[in-house]
Each structure stands twice: as C-alpha cells, then as structure tokens.
Amino acid sequence: MVFDRHYVNYLQEDLKVRKALRSMYPEAGVSLVEIDRQANNVSLTIHTARPGILIGRGGQRVDEMRKSLEKLINKKVQLNIREIQQPEFDAYLVARSIAESMERRVAYRRALKQPYSARLLPALKE
C-alpha cells in the first residue's frame, strides 16, 4: 500500500481551513466543507444553511474569506458556496442546535425535542 507523502500536510491544512471557517462565521451554519486539490490550487465547496452571511453584500465577504484562507495555507483558493435546502434535516446542524441550546442552559428534554417542533413534523409526514 502506497501512502501519499504529502498526506500529513494536507490533513493539517484541511483541519486548519475547517477550523478557521467555523470560527470566522459561526452564525452561518457551515455544515460541510469539501476540499479538492489540484497542483497549487485548492477548491473549497462550503455547504451552509445561510449563504447570505458568507457571501455578504456584493460578494465582499467572499473576497475577504478567500484572502484570509490563501494567507493561511499559502495556496490559491477557489470558493464555491452551496445552500443547504432543508437545514432541519442536516445532522450536523441539528446536533449543533441542540448543543447551543444546552449551552444556554435550556432543559435537556426541551433541547432534544426542539428540532422535532412544528416545522419538522409536517415535513416528515410528506
């Protein structure tokens, strides 16, 4: 079995990028970050519940984000932002919502039942 000799470096870069995105935009609901590499380019596809927060007015925040990520990993970065159509069905976002509720000291039973509230139950019945 042949291992890529750059695997460790790529893994560390991936972790840095994911951590930076989630810390820069915690309110954007970033669920998944797909990272593709070609030669000296890195292509990021960010799946988010609120793309408007990442994009900003006229794409201003996208440019800022691209520059900060290029500075972080020293490679050319291409960003693609995809909206999650039904965030209430995304496991990561639901888990994050429950965790935030518990951090706000909401009763744990209420925090667990909250995702199954009025907007989720009708969607499940369809």
N, C-alpha and C. Protein backbone atom coordinates (compact mmCIF):
# COMPACT_ATOMS: atom_id res chain seq x y z
N MET A 1 0.85 -1.17 0.00
CA MET A 1 0.00 0.00 0.00
C MET A 1 0.89 1.24 0.00
N VAL A 2 0.63 2.14 -0.94
CA VAL A 2 1.46 3.33 -1.08
C VAL A 2 0.71 4.52 -0.50
N PHE A 3 1.35 5.22 0.41
CA PHE A 3 0.75 6.39 1.01
C PHE A 3 1.29 7.63 0.31
N ASP A 4 0.43 8.61 0.18
CA ASP A 4 0.86 9.88 -0.39
C ASP A 4 1.80 10.55 0.61
N ARG A 5 2.93 10.97 0.15
CA ARG A 5 3.93 11.53 1.08
C ARG A 5 3.50 12.89 1.63
N HIS A 6 2.50 13.51 1.01
CA HIS A 6 2.02 14.80 1.50
C HIS A 6 0.75 14.67 2.34
N TYR A 7 0.34 13.46 2.64
CA TYR A 7 -0.92 13.22 3.33
C TYR A 7 -1.01 13.99 4.65
N VAL A 8 0.02 13.94 5.45
CA VAL A 8 0.00 14.59 6.76
C VAL A 8 -0.15 16.10 6.60
N ASN A 9 0.59 16.69 5.64
CA ASN A 9 0.49 18.13 5.42
C ASN A 9 -0.90 18.52 4.94
N TYR A 10 -1.47 17.73 4.03
CA TYR A 10 -2.81 18.01 3.53
C TYR A 10 -3.85 17.91 4.64
N LEU A 11 -3.71 16.92 5.48
CA LEU A 11 -4.65 16.74 6.58
C LEU A 11 -4.59 17.93 7.54
N GLN A 12 -3.39 18.37 7.86
CA GLN A 12 -3.25 19.52 8.75
C GLN A 12 -3.83 20.79 8.12
N GLU A 13 -3.61 20.96 6.80
CA GLU A 13 -4.19 22.10 6.10
C GLU A 13 -5.71 22.05 6.14
N ASP A 14 -6.27 20.87 5.89
CA ASP A 14 -7.72 20.70 5.89
C ASP A 14 -8.30 21.06 7.25
N LEU A 15 -7.68 20.59 8.31
CA LEU A 15 -8.16 20.88 9.65
C LEU A 15 -8.08 22.38 9.95
N LYS A 16 -6.99 23.02 9.52
CA LYS A 16 -6.83 24.46 9.72
C LYS A 16 -7.94 25.24 9.01
N VAL A 17 -8.21 24.84 7.76
CA VAL A 17 -9.22 25.53 6.96
C VAL A 17 -10.60 25.37 7.59
N ARG A 18 -10.95 24.14 7.97
CA ARG A 18 -12.28 23.90 8.56
C ARG A 18 -12.44 24.66 9.87
N LYS A 19 -11.41 24.65 10.70
CA LYS A 19 -11.48 25.35 11.98
C LYS A 19 -11.59 26.86 11.75
N ALA A 20 -10.84 27.39 10.80
CA ALA A 20 -10.89 28.82 10.51
C ALA A 20 -12.27 29.24 10.01
N LEU A 21 -12.86 28.45 9.12
CA LEU A 21 -14.18 28.79 8.59
C LEU A 21 -15.24 28.77 9.68
N ARG A 22 -15.20 27.75 10.51
CA ARG A 22 -16.23 27.65 11.56
C ARG A 22 -16.05 28.73 12.63
N SER A 23 -14.81 29.16 12.87
CA SER A 23 -14.60 30.20 13.87
C SER A 23 -14.87 31.60 13.30
N MET A 24 -14.59 31.81 12.00
CA MET A 24 -14.84 33.13 11.39
C MET A 24 -16.33 33.39 11.22
N TYR A 25 -17.10 32.35 10.91
CA TYR A 25 -18.52 32.51 10.62
C TYR A 25 -19.35 31.49 11.40
N PRO A 26 -19.40 31.60 12.72
CA PRO A 26 -20.17 30.61 13.50
C PRO A 26 -21.68 30.71 13.26
N GLU A 27 -22.16 31.90 12.89
CA GLU A 27 -23.59 32.10 12.70
C GLU A 27 -24.07 31.68 11.31
N ALA A 28 -23.16 31.28 10.43
CA ALA A 28 -23.54 30.95 9.05
C ALA A 28 -24.08 29.53 8.91
N GLY A 29 -23.92 28.70 9.90
CA GLY A 29 -24.43 27.34 9.82
C GLY A 29 -23.65 26.49 8.82
N VAL A 30 -22.32 26.54 8.88
CA VAL A 30 -21.49 25.75 7.97
C VAL A 30 -21.56 24.30 8.41
N SER A 31 -22.05 23.45 7.52
CA SER A 31 -22.24 22.05 7.84
C SER A 31 -21.10 21.19 7.30
N LEU A 32 -20.72 21.43 6.05
CA LEU A 32 -19.74 20.57 5.40
C LEU A 32 -18.79 21.42 4.57
N VAL A 33 -17.51 21.08 4.59
CA VAL A 33 -16.52 21.75 3.75
C VAL A 33 -15.82 20.67 2.94
N GLU A 34 -16.04 20.69 1.62
CA GLU A 34 -15.38 19.74 0.73
C GLU A 34 -14.12 20.41 0.18
N ILE A 35 -13.00 19.70 0.22
CA ILE A 35 -11.72 20.26 -0.21
C ILE A 35 -11.17 19.41 -1.34
N ASP A 36 -10.94 20.04 -2.50
CA ASP A 36 -10.34 19.38 -3.65
C ASP A 36 -9.03 20.08 -3.97
N ARG A 37 -8.03 19.29 -4.31
CA ARG A 37 -6.71 19.86 -4.59
C ARG A 37 -6.28 19.55 -6.02
N GLN A 38 -5.76 20.57 -6.70
CA GLN A 38 -5.11 20.41 -7.98
C GLN A 38 -3.82 21.21 -7.92
N ALA A 39 -2.74 20.60 -8.33
CA ALA A 39 -1.41 21.23 -8.35
C ALA A 39 -1.22 22.23 -7.21
N ASN A 40 -1.35 23.51 -7.50
CA ASN A 40 -1.14 24.53 -6.47
C ASN A 40 -2.44 25.27 -6.15
N ASN A 41 -3.58 24.69 -6.55
CA ASN A 41 -4.88 25.30 -6.28
C ASN A 41 -5.67 24.44 -5.31
N VAL A 42 -6.47 25.09 -4.50
CA VAL A 42 -7.36 24.38 -3.58
C VAL A 42 -8.77 24.88 -3.85
N SER A 43 -9.68 23.96 -4.10
CA SER A 43 -11.07 24.30 -4.35
C SER A 43 -11.91 23.90 -3.14
N LEU A 44 -12.60 24.87 -2.56
CA LEU A 44 -13.43 24.62 -1.38
C LEU A 44 -14.90 24.76 -1.74
N THR A 45 -15.68 23.77 -1.39
CA THR A 45 -17.13 23.85 -1.52
C THR A 45 -17.70 23.87 -0.11
N ILE A 46 -18.35 24.96 0.23
CA ILE A 46 -18.86 25.15 1.58
C ILE A 46 -20.37 24.99 1.54
N HIS A 47 -20.87 24.02 2.30
CA HIS A 47 -22.31 23.79 2.40
C HIS A 47 -22.80 24.51 3.65
N THR A 48 -23.71 25.46 3.47
CA THR A 48 -24.14 26.29 4.59
C THR A 48 -25.65 26.48 4.58
N ALA A 49 -26.21 26.69 5.76
CA ALA A 49 -27.63 26.94 5.88
C ALA A 49 -27.97 28.39 5.52
N ARG A 50 -27.02 29.29 5.72
CA ARG A 50 -27.24 30.71 5.45
C ARG A 50 -26.14 31.26 4.54
N PRO A 51 -26.27 31.08 3.25
CA PRO A 51 -25.21 31.54 2.34
C PRO A 51 -25.05 33.05 2.31
N GLY A 52 -26.10 33.79 2.61
CA GLY A 52 -26.01 35.25 2.60
C GLY A 52 -25.00 35.79 3.59
N ILE A 53 -24.84 35.11 4.71
CA ILE A 53 -23.88 35.54 5.72
C ILE A 53 -22.45 35.35 5.20
N LEU A 54 -22.20 34.25 4.48
CA LEU A 54 -20.87 34.02 3.94
C LEU A 54 -20.56 34.93 2.75
N ILE A 55 -21.56 35.20 1.93
CA ILE A 55 -21.33 35.98 0.71
C ILE A 55 -21.21 37.46 1.01
N GLY A 56 -22.08 37.98 1.85
CA GLY A 56 -22.04 39.41 2.18
C GLY A 56 -22.61 40.26 1.06
N ARG A 57 -22.57 41.56 1.22
CA ARG A 57 -23.11 42.48 0.22
C ARG A 57 -22.18 42.52 -1.00
N GLY A 58 -22.73 42.12 -2.12
CA GLY A 58 -21.96 42.16 -3.37
C GLY A 58 -20.77 41.23 -3.39
N GLY A 59 -20.77 40.21 -2.56
CA GLY A 59 -19.65 39.26 -2.54
C GLY A 59 -18.43 39.75 -1.80
N GLN A 60 -18.60 40.78 -1.01
CA GLN A 60 -17.47 41.38 -0.29
C GLN A 60 -16.82 40.40 0.69
N ARG A 61 -17.65 39.67 1.44
CA ARG A 61 -17.10 38.75 2.44
C ARG A 61 -16.42 37.54 1.79
N VAL A 62 -16.86 37.17 0.59
CA VAL A 62 -16.22 36.05 -0.11
C VAL A 62 -14.77 36.41 -0.43
N ASP A 63 -14.56 37.64 -0.90
CA ASP A 63 -13.20 38.08 -1.21
C ASP A 63 -12.33 38.12 0.04
N GLU A 64 -12.90 38.62 1.13
CA GLU A 64 -12.15 38.65 2.40
C GLU A 64 -11.79 37.24 2.86
N MET A 65 -12.78 36.34 2.75
CA MET A 65 -12.56 34.96 3.17
C MET A 65 -11.49 34.30 2.31
N ARG A 66 -11.55 34.51 1.00
CA ARG A 66 -10.57 33.92 0.08
C ARG A 66 -9.16 34.40 0.43
N LYS A 67 -9.02 35.70 0.67
CA LYS A 67 -7.70 36.25 1.01
C LYS A 67 -7.16 35.68 2.31
N SER A 68 -8.03 35.58 3.32
CA SER A 68 -7.56 35.06 4.61
C SER A 68 -7.19 33.58 4.50
N LEU A 69 -7.94 32.80 3.71
CA LEU A 69 -7.61 31.38 3.54
C LEU A 69 -6.34 31.20 2.72
N GLU A 70 -6.15 32.04 1.69
CA GLU A 70 -4.91 31.96 0.91
C GLU A 70 -3.70 32.29 1.79
N LYS A 71 -3.87 33.25 2.67
CA LYS A 71 -2.80 33.61 3.60
C LYS A 71 -2.52 32.47 4.58
N LEU A 72 -3.60 31.77 4.99
CA LEU A 72 -3.48 30.69 5.96
C LEU A 72 -2.73 29.48 5.40
N ILE A 73 -3.04 29.09 4.15
CA ILE A 73 -2.44 27.87 3.59
C ILE A 73 -1.42 28.14 2.49
N ASN A 74 -1.21 29.39 2.12
CA ASN A 74 -0.23 29.77 1.10
C ASN A 74 -0.45 29.09 -0.24
N LYS A 75 -1.71 28.98 -0.65
CA LYS A 75 -2.08 28.42 -1.95
C LYS A 75 -3.26 29.22 -2.49
N LYS A 76 -3.45 29.14 -3.80
CA LYS A 76 -4.58 29.81 -4.42
C LYS A 76 -5.86 29.06 -4.07
N VAL A 77 -6.88 29.80 -3.64
CA VAL A 77 -8.13 29.20 -3.17
C VAL A 77 -9.29 29.62 -4.07
N GLN A 78 -10.11 28.64 -4.45
CA GLN A 78 -11.34 28.91 -5.18
C GLN A 78 -12.50 28.51 -4.27
N LEU A 79 -13.47 29.41 -4.09
CA LEU A 79 -14.58 29.14 -3.18
C LEU A 79 -15.87 28.91 -3.95
N ASN A 80 -16.60 27.89 -3.54
CA ASN A 80 -17.96 27.63 -4.02
C ASN A 80 -18.83 27.53 -2.79
N ILE A 81 -19.94 28.25 -2.79
CA ILE A 81 -20.84 28.23 -1.64
C ILE A 81 -22.16 27.63 -2.07
N ARG A 82 -22.56 26.57 -1.37
CA ARG A 82 -23.82 25.88 -1.68
C ARG A 82 -24.76 26.02 -0.49
N GLU A 83 -26.02 26.29 -0.81
CA GLU A 83 -27.03 26.41 0.24
C GLU A 83 -27.61 25.04 0.55
N ILE A 84 -27.82 24.77 1.83
CA ILE A 84 -28.49 23.56 2.27
C ILE A 84 -29.98 23.86 2.20
N GLN A 85 -30.71 23.15 1.34
CA GLN A 85 -32.11 23.45 1.11
C GLN A 85 -32.98 23.22 2.33
N GLN A 86 -32.74 22.13 3.05
CA GLN A 86 -33.53 21.83 4.25
C GLN A 86 -32.59 21.62 5.44
N PRO A 87 -32.19 22.70 6.09
CA PRO A 87 -31.23 22.58 7.20
C PRO A 87 -31.75 21.77 8.38
N GLU A 88 -33.07 21.65 8.51
CA GLU A 88 -33.60 20.87 9.63
C GLU A 88 -33.37 19.38 9.46
N PHE A 89 -32.94 18.94 8.26
CA PHE A 89 -32.63 17.53 8.03
C PHE A 89 -31.12 17.26 8.04
N ASP A 90 -30.32 18.28 8.24
CA ASP A 90 -28.87 18.11 8.27
C ASP A 90 -28.44 17.73 9.68
N ALA A 91 -27.83 16.57 9.83
CA ALA A 91 -27.49 16.03 11.15
C ALA A 91 -26.55 16.96 11.92
N TYR A 92 -25.54 17.50 11.26
CA TYR A 92 -24.58 18.37 11.96
C TYR A 92 -25.27 19.62 12.50
N LEU A 93 -26.12 20.23 11.68
CA LEU A 93 -26.78 21.46 12.11
C LEU A 93 -27.77 21.21 13.24
N VAL A 94 -28.47 20.08 13.19
CA VAL A 94 -29.40 19.74 14.27
C VAL A 94 -28.63 19.51 15.56
N ALA A 95 -27.53 18.76 15.48
CA ALA A 95 -26.71 18.50 16.67
C ALA A 95 -26.14 19.80 17.24
N ARG A 96 -25.70 20.69 16.34
CA ARG A 96 -25.15 21.98 16.78
C ARG A 96 -26.24 22.81 17.48
N SER A 97 -27.45 22.77 16.96
CA SER A 97 -28.57 23.49 17.55
C SER A 97 -28.88 22.97 18.95
N ILE A 98 -28.87 21.66 19.11
CA ILE A 98 -29.12 21.07 20.43
C ILE A 98 -28.01 21.45 21.40
N ALA A 99 -26.76 21.39 20.94
CA ALA A 99 -25.63 21.75 21.80
C ALA A 99 -25.70 23.21 22.24
N GLU A 100 -26.05 24.10 21.31
CA GLU A 100 -26.16 25.52 21.66
C GLU A 100 -27.29 25.75 22.65
N SER A 101 -28.39 25.02 22.49
CA SER A 101 -29.50 25.14 23.45
C SER A 101 -29.05 24.72 24.84
N MET A 102 -28.31 23.63 24.90
CA MET A 102 -27.84 23.14 26.20
C MET A 102 -26.81 24.09 26.80
N GLU A 103 -26.01 24.74 25.95
CA GLU A 103 -25.06 25.73 26.45
C GLU A 103 -25.77 26.94 27.04
N ARG A 104 -26.97 27.24 26.49
CA ARG A 104 -27.77 28.34 27.03
C ARG A 104 -28.58 27.89 28.24
N ARG A 105 -28.32 26.68 28.71
CA ARG A 105 -28.92 26.12 29.91
C ARG A 105 -30.42 25.86 29.78
N VAL A 106 -30.84 25.50 28.57
CA VAL A 106 -32.22 25.07 28.35
C VAL A 106 -32.32 23.65 28.89
N ALA A 107 -33.48 23.28 29.41
CA ALA A 107 -33.67 21.93 29.92
C ALA A 107 -33.38 20.93 28.81
N TYR A 108 -32.66 19.86 29.12
CA TYR A 108 -32.18 18.96 28.08
C TYR A 108 -33.31 18.28 27.32
N ARG A 109 -34.42 17.97 28.00
CA ARG A 109 -35.55 17.34 27.29
C ARG A 109 -36.14 18.30 26.27
N ARG A 110 -36.25 19.55 26.65
CA ARG A 110 -36.77 20.56 25.73
C ARG A 110 -35.80 20.76 24.56
N ALA A 111 -34.50 20.77 24.87
CA ALA A 111 -33.49 20.94 23.82
C ALA A 111 -33.54 19.80 22.81
N LEU A 112 -33.78 18.58 23.28
CA LEU A 112 -33.84 17.44 22.38
C LEU A 112 -35.12 17.40 21.56
N LYS A 113 -36.22 17.89 22.12
CA LYS A 113 -37.49 17.88 21.40
C LYS A 113 -37.62 19.05 20.43
N GLN A 114 -36.86 20.08 20.65
CA GLN A 114 -36.96 21.30 19.85
C GLN A 114 -36.79 21.07 18.35
N PRO A 115 -35.82 20.28 17.87
CA PRO A 115 -35.70 20.08 16.42
C PRO A 115 -36.92 19.41 15.79
N TYR A 116 -37.69 18.68 16.59
CA TYR A 116 -38.86 17.99 16.06
C TYR A 116 -40.11 18.84 16.23
N SER A 117 -39.93 20.13 16.25
CA SER A 117 -41.04 21.05 16.51
C SER A 117 -41.96 21.17 15.30
N ALA A 118 -42.70 22.23 15.25
CA ALA A 118 -43.76 22.43 14.26
C ALA A 118 -43.26 22.40 12.81
N ARG A 119 -42.05 22.86 12.54
CA ARG A 119 -41.62 22.90 11.14
C ARG A 119 -41.06 21.56 10.65
N LEU A 120 -40.63 20.68 11.53
CA LEU A 120 -40.06 19.41 11.10
C LEU A 120 -41.11 18.32 10.95
N LEU A 121 -42.06 18.24 11.86
CA LEU A 121 -43.06 17.17 11.82
C LEU A 121 -43.89 17.17 10.53
N PRO A 122 -44.39 18.30 10.04
CA PRO A 122 -45.14 18.28 8.77
C PRO A 122 -44.28 17.80 7.59
N ALA A 123 -43.02 18.16 7.60
CA ALA A 123 -42.12 17.75 6.52
C ALA A 123 -41.89 16.24 6.52
N LEU A 124 -41.85 15.64 7.71
CA LEU A 124 -41.65 14.21 7.81
C LEU A 124 -42.86 13.43 7.34
N LYS A 125 -44.06 13.99 7.51
CA LYS A 125 -45.29 13.30 7.14
C LYS A 125 -45.49 13.23 5.63
N GLU A 126 -44.83 14.12 4.89
CA GLU A 126 -44.99 14.16 3.43
C GLU A 126 -44.46 12.97 2.74
